[in-house]
Protein backbone atom coordinates (compact mmCIF):
# COMPACT_ATOMS: atom_id res chain seq x y z
CA MET A 1 -50.28 -154.27 44.58
CA ALA A 2 -48.43 -151.51 42.68
CA SER A 3 -44.72 -151.09 43.10
CA PHE A 4 -43.33 -147.58 43.56
CA LYS A 5 -39.85 -146.35 42.70
CA ARG A 6 -38.44 -143.13 44.07
CA LYS A 7 -37.50 -140.70 41.36
CA THR A 8 -34.77 -138.08 41.41
CA ILE A 9 -35.27 -134.43 40.52
CA ASN A 10 -33.48 -135.19 37.25
CA ASP A 11 -35.99 -137.97 36.55
CA LEU A 12 -38.88 -135.53 37.03
CA ILE A 13 -37.30 -132.89 34.81
CA ALA A 14 -36.80 -135.53 32.10
CA ILE A 15 -40.47 -136.51 32.40
CA THR A 16 -41.61 -132.90 32.01
CA ASN A 17 -39.53 -132.58 28.83
CA ASP A 18 -40.74 -135.87 27.28
CA PRO A 19 -42.41 -134.97 23.94
CA ASP A 20 -44.52 -138.15 24.08
CA ILE A 21 -46.49 -136.94 27.12
CA ASP A 22 -49.58 -134.99 26.09
CA GLU A 23 -49.97 -132.79 29.16
CA VAL A 24 -47.69 -131.80 32.03
CA SER A 25 -48.30 -129.45 34.95
CA VAL A 26 -45.44 -128.35 37.21
CA GLU A 27 -45.70 -126.49 40.52
CA TRP A 28 -42.44 -124.75 41.34
CA ARG A 29 -42.26 -122.25 44.19
CA ARG A 30 -40.32 -119.09 43.51
CA GLY A 31 -36.79 -119.35 44.87
CA ASP A 32 -36.80 -123.15 45.24
CA ALA A 33 -34.21 -125.24 43.42
CA TYR A 34 -36.76 -127.98 42.66
CA PRO A 35 -40.44 -128.40 41.79
CA THR A 36 -42.90 -129.34 44.53
CA ARG A 37 -45.34 -131.24 42.33
CA VAL A 38 -45.45 -132.66 38.79
CA VAL A 39 -48.66 -133.95 37.22
CA THR A 40 -48.59 -135.84 33.92
CA ASP A 41 -51.29 -137.02 31.55
CA PRO A 42 -49.46 -139.19 29.00
CA VAL A 43 -52.49 -139.67 26.73
CA ARG A 44 -55.06 -136.89 27.03
CA GLN A 45 -57.91 -139.02 25.64
CA SER A 46 -57.20 -142.04 27.83
CA THR A 47 -58.74 -142.74 31.21
CA ASP A 48 -56.78 -143.29 34.42
CA ASP A 49 -53.27 -142.76 33.08
CA GLU A 50 -52.53 -139.57 35.00
CA VAL A 51 -49.60 -139.62 37.42
CA THR A 52 -48.87 -137.12 40.21
CA TYR A 53 -45.39 -136.83 41.70
CA THR A 54 -45.01 -134.92 44.99
CA VAL A 55 -41.52 -133.76 45.92
CA SER A 56 -40.55 -133.87 49.60
CA ASN A 57 -37.59 -134.45 51.88
CA VAL A 58 -35.14 -132.88 49.45
CA THR A 59 -31.50 -132.63 50.45
CA ILE A 60 -29.35 -130.37 48.32
CA GLY A 61 -25.72 -131.27 48.45
């Protein structure tokens, strides 16, 4: 079974700026301090390597 690690907002921003990832899609609602969803495709020509991160339960402090 896969193991999942919670990521911080800073982790997600670093992922979106990683030049080694072929394709990144970010959903960010106007006025929010954080994205709501990040989708990555590290190798465009590879199968089943896409990862979707959904942001929820955010506490700003």
